[in-house]
Amino acid sequence: MARTGGFWKLHGDGSVPGPGAVVAPDERLSWPRTVGIGVQHVMAMFGATVLVPTITGFSPSTTLFFSAVGTALFLLLTRGRLPSYLGSSFAFLAPIAAAETAGGPAAALGGIVVTGVLLALVGLLVQRAGSAWVDRLLPPAVTGTIVALIGLNLAPAAWTSVQAGPVTAVVTIAAIVLSSVLFRGLLGRLSILLGVVVGYVVALVRDEVDFSAVGGASWVGLPQFTAPSFDLAVIAVFIPVVLVLVAENVGHVRSVAALTGRDLDPLTGRALVADGLATTLAGLGGGSGTTTYAENIGVMAASRVYSTAAYAVAAGAALLLSLSPKFGAVIASVPAGVLGGAGTVLYGLIGVLGARIWVQARVDFSRPAVLTSAGVALVIGIADYTLTVGGLTFTGIALGTVAAVGIYHLMAALGRWRGTDPGDATGADRGREAAVEPASPASAPRPDLTR
């Protein structure tokens, strides 16, 4: 019988859960054990969370700061009932790159703000009308296509970085590949972080690291905050990210529900609102957009501890790390060769994860609606088609997403009308659950695009 212990009830005597038992979201272990689990969550999210700002040129400390604040806000708005860490979303990488080219970092932050506001509005709609319409709008055939084209659209950016340090990039790739299969448990899930560390050491030996900013940075201080600007010409490229974040958050809620045996669907709207507000705050201050993290689901699955107290600890630890400018300067010193190597693996994983959604949902590619919508959208995204209408320029990700959603639903509707494509009435629900299957304790880290 759990005993009360502040906001969270104490699980049993506070020791690790026994065989078959789990620590529920509203429970906790003893505080020393809870702190230990919280530190594991920090390690699980850290590599991916700081990699996004390092690639995009944002401040890692600022991103980490808003990641911590966003996680605390998420726990507050979901009333401590839904365990989650909000880290940097890889879905923002391509839109940020496009926005920075067109209007600079401030314009990219404006796109992040708009994305967060739209996601929060979707959350309010889900809170009122339920999430069934999300499954109908974004069946696995469409979701998998959008995820794949976002990852593959980034391939040229990876090649550009690799060219800046090809030897270091190859070593980084090799380190990621080997650590993902040689290590078990948490180390296996941190393969990207380990690969970056190995690549960084090689870059040090090869004298490719610039420490000029590290020496002058203070040990303690506030992160650097940057105000956004809003440019309609670049905001459009961020709209597809809203669809990805909706799928990630809905998938996270269902994944945690499956692990804990609790009905968490009523919290879906709150989760979307919370992530939307966290992303909005990040964009207003200079941080990367956020999303729920599957890496941390792996920690929960391994420890059988789903306590939100551990996430409160993780948020506090991340906040403390963000208040060290010297720490942020070290992260920002990672050279292009290391980023190119990590990006090669990461962008490829994102692309293949789109195919993973198709496979796990058993998407029927004999259907013309599925085959054509995916094929057209992927070519548009990979080739980075552009369309200029007035002062607005739409790039491959935005156009590819519109093509995936529009062509699929148009062809499916016409196929049902003509009797040539009856569709799959159960595919959306089955695919959504399959796409968010939690990582096993020994699995490698997964980018935050399938939750």
Protein backbone atom coordinates (compact mmCIF):
# COMPACT_ATOMS: atom_id res chain seq x y z
CA MET A 1 0.00 0.00 0.00
CA ALA A 2 1.49 3.31 -1.04
CA ARG A 3 2.00 5.91 1.69
CA THR A 4 1.55 9.60 1.19
CA GLY A 5 4.74 11.63 0.79
CA GLY A 6 3.88 15.16 -0.36
CA PHE A 7 2.51 15.51 -3.91
CA TRP A 8 3.58 11.96 -4.78
CA LYS A 9 2.66 8.87 -2.78
CA LEU A 10 5.59 6.76 -1.63
CA HIS A 11 5.68 3.45 -3.49
CA GLY A 12 5.84 0.72 -0.86
CA ASP A 13 8.89 1.30 1.30
CA GLY A 14 10.52 3.49 -1.37
CA SER A 15 12.75 0.76 -2.78
CA VAL A 16 12.82 -0.49 -6.38
CA PRO A 17 9.56 -2.07 -7.59
CA GLY A 18 9.21 -5.81 -7.10
CA PRO A 19 8.62 -8.39 -9.85
CA GLY A 20 5.67 -7.35 -12.01
CA ALA A 21 5.20 -4.06 -10.14
CA VAL A 22 5.59 -0.55 -11.53
CA VAL A 23 5.91 2.86 -9.91
CA ALA A 24 2.87 4.83 -11.09
CA PRO A 25 3.04 8.47 -12.27
CA ASP A 26 1.58 9.72 -8.96
CA GLU A 27 4.03 7.65 -6.89
CA ARG A 28 7.74 7.95 -6.19
CA LEU A 29 10.61 5.96 -4.77
CA SER A 30 12.76 7.31 -1.94
CA TRP A 31 14.22 10.69 -2.87
CA PRO A 32 17.79 9.41 -3.38
CA ARG A 33 16.47 6.77 -5.80
CA THR A 34 14.18 9.33 -7.47
CA VAL A 35 17.13 11.66 -7.99
CA GLY A 36 19.08 8.77 -9.54
CA ILE A 37 16.26 8.02 -11.99
CA GLY A 38 15.98 11.74 -12.77
CA VAL A 39 19.69 11.88 -13.65
CA GLN A 40 19.17 8.92 -16.00
CA HIS A 41 16.43 10.90 -17.74
CA VAL A 42 18.82 13.84 -18.16
CA MET A 43 21.41 11.54 -19.74
CA ALA A 44 18.79 10.01 -22.05
CA MET A 45 17.55 13.34 -23.39
CA PHE A 46 20.80 15.28 -23.32
CA GLY A 47 22.49 14.21 -26.55
CA ALA A 48 19.48 14.78 -28.78
CA THR A 49 18.38 17.97 -27.02
CA VAL A 50 21.71 19.78 -27.39
CA LEU A 51 22.43 18.35 -30.84
CA VAL A 52 19.57 20.28 -32.46
CA PRO A 53 20.77 23.75 -31.40
CA THR A 54 24.36 22.76 -32.16
CA ILE A 55 23.37 21.87 -35.73
CA THR A 56 21.15 24.93 -36.23
CA GLY A 57 23.45 27.47 -34.60
CA PHE A 58 21.12 28.20 -31.69
CA SER A 59 22.46 28.47 -28.15
CA PRO A 60 22.57 25.01 -26.49
CA SER A 61 22.25 26.62 -23.03
CA THR A 62 19.15 28.57 -24.08
CA THR A 63 17.58 25.48 -25.61
CA LEU A 64 18.36 23.45 -22.49
CA PHE A 65 16.86 26.22 -20.34
CA PHE A 66 13.56 26.21 -22.23
CA SER A 67 13.59 22.43 -22.34
CA ALA A 68 13.67 22.41 -18.53
CA VAL A 69 11.02 25.11 -18.24
CA GLY A 70 8.86 23.34 -20.82
CA THR A 71 9.08 20.02 -18.98
CA ALA A 72 8.04 21.69 -15.71
CA LEU A 73 5.14 23.37 -17.51
CA PHE A 74 4.12 20.05 -19.08
CA LEU A 75 4.02 18.35 -15.66
CA LEU A 76 1.99 21.24 -14.26
CA LEU A 77 -0.61 21.32 -17.05
CA THR A 78 -1.02 17.53 -17.08
CA ARG A 79 -1.38 17.63 -13.28
CA GLY A 80 1.58 15.34 -12.74
CA ARG A 81 -0.26 12.41 -14.31
CA LEU A 82 1.69 12.06 -17.58
CA PRO A 83 5.46 11.40 -17.34
CA SER A 84 7.37 13.10 -20.13
CA TYR A 85 10.50 15.08 -20.87
CA LEU A 86 10.22 17.84 -23.49
CA GLY A 87 13.43 17.97 -25.49
CA SER A 88 14.43 19.47 -28.84
CA SER A 89 12.40 18.22 -31.78
CA PHE A 90 14.30 17.11 -34.87
CA ALA A 91 11.23 17.98 -36.93
CA PHE A 92 12.35 21.63 -36.71
CA LEU A 93 15.78 21.06 -38.28
CA ALA A 94 14.86 21.51 -41.93
CA PRO A 95 12.43 24.43 -41.41
CA ILE A 96 14.99 26.24 -39.24
CA ALA A 97 17.67 25.78 -41.89
CA ALA A 98 15.36 27.15 -44.58
CA ALA A 99 14.23 30.04 -42.40
CA GLU A 100 17.78 31.01 -41.41
CA THR A 101 18.78 31.13 -45.07
CA ALA A 102 15.82 33.32 -45.97
CA GLY A 103 15.47 35.58 -42.94
CA GLY A 104 18.09 34.75 -40.31
CA PRO A 105 17.83 33.17 -36.85
CA ALA A 106 15.17 35.60 -35.64
CA ALA A 107 12.87 34.58 -38.49
CA ALA A 108 13.40 30.93 -37.59
CA LEU A 109 12.38 31.70 -34.01
CA GLY A 110 9.24 33.36 -35.34
CA GLY A 111 8.37 30.15 -37.15
CA ILE A 112 8.88 28.20 -33.93
CA VAL A 113 6.54 30.56 -32.08
CA VAL A 114 3.81 30.17 -34.71
CA THR A 115 4.23 26.39 -34.62
CA GLY A 116 3.80 26.39 -30.85
CA VAL A 117 0.69 28.55 -30.97
CA LEU A 118 -0.90 26.34 -33.64
CA LEU A 119 -0.07 23.19 -31.67
CA ALA A 120 -1.66 24.67 -28.54
CA LEU A 121 -4.80 25.52 -30.54
CA VAL A 122 -4.94 21.95 -31.84
CA GLY A 123 -4.65 20.79 -28.23
CA LEU A 124 -7.63 22.91 -27.22
CA LEU A 125 -9.60 21.38 -30.10
CA VAL A 126 -8.60 17.85 -29.06
CA GLN A 127 -9.54 18.64 -25.48
CA ARG A 128 -13.01 19.59 -26.66
CA ALA A 129 -13.65 17.14 -29.53
CA GLY A 130 -11.34 14.20 -28.80
CA SER A 131 -8.41 12.86 -30.86
CA ALA A 132 -10.23 10.54 -33.29
CA TRP A 133 -10.10 13.19 -36.02
CA VAL A 134 -6.29 13.22 -35.76
CA ASP A 135 -6.19 9.53 -36.69
CA ARG A 136 -8.43 10.17 -39.69
CA LEU A 137 -6.40 13.16 -40.89
CA LEU A 138 -3.01 11.52 -40.35
CA PRO A 139 -3.23 7.78 -41.03
CA PRO A 140 0.07 5.84 -41.01
CA ALA A 141 0.45 6.14 -44.78
CA VAL A 142 0.52 9.93 -44.46
CA THR A 143 2.46 10.18 -41.19
CA GLY A 144 5.19 7.85 -42.41
CA THR A 145 5.58 9.86 -45.61
CA ILE A 146 5.87 13.18 -43.76
CA VAL A 147 8.46 11.80 -41.33
CA ALA A 148 10.48 10.26 -44.17
CA LEU A 149 10.55 13.38 -46.34
CA ILE A 150 11.63 15.58 -43.41
CA GLY A 151 14.64 13.37 -42.76
CA LEU A 152 15.63 12.90 -46.39
CA ASN A 153 15.21 16.60 -47.15
CA LEU A 154 18.15 17.22 -44.78
CA ALA A 155 20.62 14.97 -46.62
CA PRO A 156 22.40 17.82 -48.47
CA ALA A 157 22.97 19.65 -45.16
CA ALA A 158 24.70 16.57 -43.75
CA TRP A 159 26.97 16.32 -46.79
CA THR A 160 27.96 19.98 -46.51
CA SER A 161 29.08 19.46 -42.90
CA VAL A 162 30.88 16.21 -43.71
CA GLN A 163 32.97 17.99 -46.33
CA ALA A 164 34.27 20.36 -43.63
CA GLY A 165 35.92 17.43 -41.80
CA PRO A 166 35.56 14.12 -43.64
CA VAL A 167 37.91 12.05 -41.45
CA THR A 168 36.26 13.21 -38.23
CA ALA A 169 32.83 12.65 -39.77
CA VAL A 170 33.65 9.05 -40.71
CA VAL A 171 34.99 8.32 -37.21
CA THR A 172 31.84 9.83 -35.69
CA ILE A 173 29.61 7.68 -37.88
CA ALA A 174 31.60 4.56 -37.02
CA ALA A 175 31.42 5.33 -33.29
CA ILE A 176 27.64 5.76 -33.43
CA VAL A 177 27.16 2.58 -35.44
CA LEU A 178 29.36 0.45 -33.18
CA SER A 179 28.09 1.80 -29.85
CA SER A 180 24.47 1.21 -30.87
CA VAL A 181 25.12 -2.54 -31.21
CA LEU A 182 27.92 -3.13 -28.70
CA PHE A 183 26.27 -1.57 -25.64
CA ARG A 184 23.10 -2.53 -23.82
CA GLY A 185 20.63 -0.54 -21.75
CA LEU A 186 21.16 3.19 -21.30
CA LEU A 187 24.52 3.24 -23.11
CA GLY A 188 22.88 1.69 -26.15
CA ARG A 189 20.25 4.41 -26.17
CA LEU A 190 22.98 7.05 -25.95
CA SER A 191 24.83 5.93 -29.08
CA ILE A 192 24.50 9.31 -30.81
CA LEU A 193 25.84 11.11 -27.73
CA LEU A 194 28.72 8.61 -27.45
CA GLY A 195 29.50 9.00 -31.14
CA VAL A 196 29.62 12.79 -30.81
CA VAL A 197 31.97 12.48 -27.82
CA VAL A 198 34.31 10.16 -29.74
CA GLY A 199 34.20 12.44 -32.78
CA TYR A 200 34.93 15.45 -30.58
CA VAL A 201 38.01 13.74 -29.13
CA VAL A 202 39.24 12.95 -32.64
CA ALA A 203 38.60 16.55 -33.66
CA LEU A 204 40.68 17.69 -30.68
CA VAL A 205 43.58 15.50 -31.79
CA ARG A 206 43.25 16.85 -35.32
CA ASP A 207 43.15 20.45 -34.03
CA GLU A 208 39.69 21.11 -35.46
CA VAL A 209 38.10 22.51 -32.27
CA ASP A 210 37.97 26.26 -31.63
CA PHE A 211 38.09 26.99 -27.89
CA SER A 212 38.19 30.77 -28.24
CA ALA A 213 34.67 31.24 -26.87
CA VAL A 214 35.12 28.76 -24.01
CA GLY A 215 37.90 30.61 -22.20
CA GLY A 216 35.95 33.87 -21.97
CA ALA A 217 32.66 32.28 -20.87
CA SER A 218 31.55 32.54 -17.24
CA TRP A 219 30.93 29.48 -15.11
CA VAL A 220 27.55 30.78 -13.92
CA GLY A 221 25.12 33.07 -15.73
CA LEU A 222 21.83 33.30 -17.58
CA PRO A 223 21.57 31.88 -21.10
CA GLN A 224 21.55 34.21 -24.07
CA PHE A 225 17.97 35.13 -24.98
CA THR A 226 17.01 36.19 -28.52
CA ALA A 227 13.75 37.78 -29.65
CA PRO A 228 11.93 36.39 -32.71
CA SER A 229 10.81 38.20 -35.82
CA PHE A 230 7.90 37.18 -37.98
CA ASP A 231 8.17 36.78 -41.73
CA LEU A 232 5.28 35.23 -43.64
CA ALA A 233 7.72 34.14 -46.33
CA VAL A 234 9.33 31.59 -43.98
CA ILE A 235 6.54 30.74 -41.54
CA ALA A 236 4.88 28.46 -44.10
CA VAL A 237 7.76 25.95 -43.95
CA PHE A 238 7.01 25.33 -40.26
CA ILE A 239 3.35 24.33 -40.72
CA PRO A 240 4.13 20.63 -41.45
CA VAL A 241 5.95 20.42 -38.12
CA VAL A 242 2.60 20.95 -36.36
CA LEU A 243 1.31 17.70 -37.87
CA VAL A 244 4.44 15.83 -36.77
CA LEU A 245 4.24 17.21 -33.22
CA VAL A 246 0.57 16.23 -32.98
CA ALA A 247 1.44 12.68 -34.01
CA GLU A 248 4.35 12.57 -31.55
CA ASN A 249 2.33 13.78 -28.59
CA VAL A 250 -0.67 11.57 -29.28
CA GLY A 251 1.68 8.62 -29.69
CA HIS A 252 3.47 9.45 -26.44
CA VAL A 253 0.23 9.50 -24.48
CA ARG A 254 -0.83 6.14 -25.88
CA SER A 255 2.59 4.61 -25.38
CA VAL A 256 2.73 5.61 -21.70
CA ALA A 257 -0.86 4.42 -21.26
CA ALA A 258 0.08 1.02 -22.64
CA LEU A 259 3.08 0.80 -20.31
CA THR A 260 1.24 1.89 -17.17
CA GLY A 261 -2.12 0.25 -17.84
CA ARG A 262 -3.94 3.56 -17.30
CA ASP A 263 -6.42 5.40 -19.50
CA LEU A 264 -4.55 8.61 -20.34
CA ASP A 265 -6.55 9.64 -23.44
CA PRO A 266 -8.29 12.45 -21.50
CA LEU A 267 -4.85 14.03 -21.10
CA THR A 268 -4.10 14.16 -24.83
CA GLY A 269 -5.42 17.68 -25.27
CA ARG A 270 -3.52 18.91 -22.22
CA ALA A 271 -0.31 17.33 -23.53
CA LEU A 272 -0.69 19.09 -26.87
CA VAL A 273 -1.42 22.43 -25.21
CA ALA A 274 1.55 22.00 -22.88
CA ASP A 275 3.97 21.16 -25.69
CA GLY A 276 2.54 24.02 -27.75
CA LEU A 277 3.11 26.51 -24.94
CA ALA A 278 6.60 25.13 -24.26
CA THR A 279 7.50 25.50 -27.95
CA THR A 280 6.07 29.02 -27.99
CA LEU A 281 8.15 30.04 -24.97
CA ALA A 282 11.27 28.54 -26.54
CA GLY A 283 10.72 30.48 -29.76
CA LEU A 284 10.14 33.72 -27.86
CA GLY A 285 13.47 33.39 -26.08
CA GLY A 286 15.83 31.78 -28.58
CA GLY A 287 15.42 28.04 -27.96
CA SER A 288 14.54 25.13 -30.23
CA GLY A 289 10.99 23.81 -30.41
CA THR A 290 10.15 20.94 -28.08
CA THR A 291 8.46 17.56 -28.18
CA THR A 292 7.93 14.52 -25.98
CA TYR A 293 10.92 12.18 -25.93
CA ALA A 294 10.89 8.45 -26.74
CA GLU A 295 14.41 8.14 -25.31
CA ASN A 296 12.94 8.73 -21.87
CA ILE A 297 10.21 6.16 -22.48
CA GLY A 298 13.07 3.69 -22.84
CA VAL A 299 14.37 4.67 -19.39
CA MET A 300 10.90 4.13 -17.92
CA ALA A 301 10.50 0.77 -19.63
CA ALA A 302 13.87 -0.36 -18.28
CA SER A 303 13.37 0.86 -14.70
CA ARG A 304 9.57 0.33 -14.48
CA VAL A 305 9.46 3.75 -12.79
CA TYR A 306 6.88 6.06 -14.36
CA SER A 307 6.94 8.62 -11.55
CA THR A 308 6.59 12.22 -12.66
CA ALA A 309 8.73 13.10 -9.62
CA ALA A 310 11.74 11.80 -11.56
CA TYR A 311 10.89 14.18 -14.41
CA ALA A 312 10.65 17.07 -11.99
CA VAL A 313 14.18 16.19 -10.87
CA ALA A 314 15.32 15.97 -14.51
CA ALA A 315 13.86 19.40 -15.26
CA GLY A 316 15.68 20.87 -12.27
CA ALA A 317 18.99 19.27 -13.29
CA ALA A 318 18.66 20.52 -16.87
CA LEU A 319 17.90 24.01 -15.58
CA LEU A 320 21.08 24.01 -13.51
CA LEU A 321 23.16 22.89 -16.51
CA SER A 322 21.65 25.66 -18.64
CA LEU A 323 22.87 28.29 -16.17
CA SER A 324 26.54 27.66 -17.01
CA PRO A 325 27.65 29.71 -20.06
CA LYS A 326 30.99 27.87 -20.08
CA PHE A 327 29.16 24.55 -20.43
CA GLY A 328 27.16 26.01 -23.32
CA ALA A 329 30.34 27.28 -24.99
CA VAL A 330 31.88 23.80 -24.86
CA ILE A 331 28.79 22.33 -26.53
CA ALA A 332 28.82 25.06 -29.16
CA SER A 333 32.48 24.26 -29.99
CA VAL A 334 31.60 20.91 -31.59
CA PRO A 335 33.13 21.15 -35.11
CA ALA A 336 31.32 20.71 -38.40
CA GLY A 337 32.85 17.31 -39.12
CA VAL A 338 31.34 15.83 -35.96
CA LEU A 339 27.97 17.40 -36.72
CA GLY A 340 28.12 16.08 -40.28
CA GLY A 341 28.78 12.56 -39.08
CA ALA A 342 26.02 12.68 -36.48
CA GLY A 343 23.68 14.31 -39.00
CA THR A 344 24.32 11.59 -41.58
CA VAL A 345 23.14 8.94 -39.13
CA LEU A 346 20.40 11.05 -37.62
CA TYR A 347 18.80 12.28 -40.83
CA GLY A 348 18.95 8.78 -42.25
CA LEU A 349 17.26 7.41 -39.13
CA ILE A 350 14.50 9.99 -39.44
CA GLY A 351 13.91 9.00 -43.04
CA VAL A 352 13.87 5.29 -42.28
CA LEU A 353 11.60 5.82 -39.28
CA GLY A 354 8.98 6.94 -41.77
CA ALA A 355 9.26 3.54 -43.41
CA ARG A 356 9.12 1.94 -39.95
CA ILE A 357 5.71 3.52 -39.44
CA TRP A 358 4.53 1.98 -42.71
CA VAL A 359 5.87 -1.46 -41.84
CA GLN A 360 4.50 -1.60 -38.29
CA ALA A 361 1.11 -0.34 -39.45
CA ARG A 362 1.12 -2.86 -42.32
CA VAL A 363 0.31 -0.06 -44.78
CA ASP A 364 -1.09 -1.52 -48.01
CA PHE A 365 1.00 -0.14 -50.87
CA SER A 366 -1.21 -1.88 -53.41
CA ARG A 367 -3.67 0.95 -52.80
CA PRO A 368 -3.19 3.71 -55.39
CA ALA A 369 -3.88 6.37 -52.77
CA VAL A 370 -1.00 5.16 -50.61
CA LEU A 371 1.52 4.48 -53.36
CA THR A 372 0.94 7.69 -55.31
CA SER A 373 0.71 10.09 -52.37
CA ALA A 374 3.89 8.72 -50.82
CA GLY A 375 5.82 8.67 -54.08
CA VAL A 376 4.92 12.20 -55.14
CA ALA A 377 5.47 13.67 -51.67
CA LEU A 378 8.88 12.01 -51.24
CA VAL A 379 10.20 13.31 -54.55
CA ILE A 380 8.98 16.82 -53.73
CA GLY A 381 10.63 16.68 -50.31
CA ILE A 382 13.92 15.11 -51.36
CA ALA A 383 14.38 17.38 -54.39
CA ASP A 384 13.28 20.35 -52.25
CA TYR A 385 10.76 21.73 -54.72
CA THR A 386 9.97 25.42 -54.21
CA LEU A 387 6.90 27.44 -55.09
CA THR A 388 6.71 31.22 -54.80
CA VAL A 389 3.30 32.85 -54.50
CA GLY A 390 3.53 36.59 -54.15
CA GLY A 391 6.00 37.18 -51.35
CA LEU A 392 5.65 33.67 -49.92
CA THR A 393 8.03 30.83 -50.77
CA PHE A 394 7.02 27.26 -50.02
CA THR A 395 9.82 24.69 -49.91
CA GLY A 396 10.01 20.90 -50.21
CA ILE A 397 8.84 19.98 -46.73
CA ALA A 398 5.77 22.21 -46.82
CA LEU A 399 4.87 21.22 -50.39
CA GLY A 400 5.58 17.56 -49.73
CA THR A 401 3.36 17.55 -46.65
CA VAL A 402 0.50 19.20 -48.53
CA ALA A 403 0.95 16.65 -51.31
CA ALA A 404 0.97 13.71 -48.88
CA VAL A 405 -2.19 14.79 -47.07
CA GLY A 406 -4.06 16.20 -50.07
CA ILE A 407 -3.33 13.47 -52.62
CA TYR A 408 -3.98 10.66 -50.15
CA HIS A 409 -7.38 11.91 -48.99
CA LEU A 410 -8.46 12.97 -52.49
CA MET A 411 -7.58 9.62 -54.04
CA ALA A 412 -9.04 7.67 -51.10
CA ALA A 413 -12.32 9.56 -51.34
CA LEU A 414 -12.57 9.13 -55.11
CA GLY A 415 -11.57 5.47 -54.78
CA ARG A 416 -14.35 4.80 -52.26
CA TRP A 417 -16.85 6.62 -54.47
CA ARG A 418 -15.88 4.61 -57.54
CA GLY A 419 -15.34 1.39 -55.61
CA THR A 420 -11.72 1.14 -56.77
CA ASP A 421 -10.15 1.76 -53.35
CA PRO A 422 -12.23 0.74 -50.32
CA GLY A 423 -9.45 1.83 -47.96
CA ASP A 424 -8.60 0.39 -44.54
CA ALA A 425 -11.02 1.31 -41.80
CA THR A 426 -8.72 0.06 -39.05
CA GLY A 427 -5.36 1.12 -40.42
CA ALA A 428 -5.23 4.52 -38.75
CA ASP A 429 -5.75 3.27 -35.22
CA ARG A 430 -3.56 0.22 -35.61
CA GLY A 431 -0.83 2.25 -37.27
CA ARG A 432 -0.84 4.97 -34.64
CA GLU A 433 -0.32 2.40 -31.90
CA ALA A 434 2.33 0.56 -33.88
CA ALA A 435 4.19 3.74 -34.73
CA VAL A 436 4.63 4.62 -31.09
CA GLU A 437 5.65 1.23 -29.76
CA PRO A 438 7.99 2.06 -26.88
CA ALA A 439 11.67 1.37 -27.21
CA SER A 440 12.97 -1.76 -25.57
CA PRO A 441 15.57 -1.21 -22.86
CA ALA A 442 18.36 -2.32 -25.18
CA SER A 443 17.32 -0.34 -28.23
CA ALA A 444 19.28 2.50 -29.76
CA PRO A 445 18.06 6.09 -29.32
CA ARG A 446 15.24 7.08 -31.57
CA PRO A 447 14.75 10.61 -32.88
CA ASP A 448 11.59 12.28 -31.66
CA LEU A 449 9.59 11.95 -34.78
CA THR A 450 7.43 8.85 -34.27
CA ARG A 451 5.84 9.50 -30.94
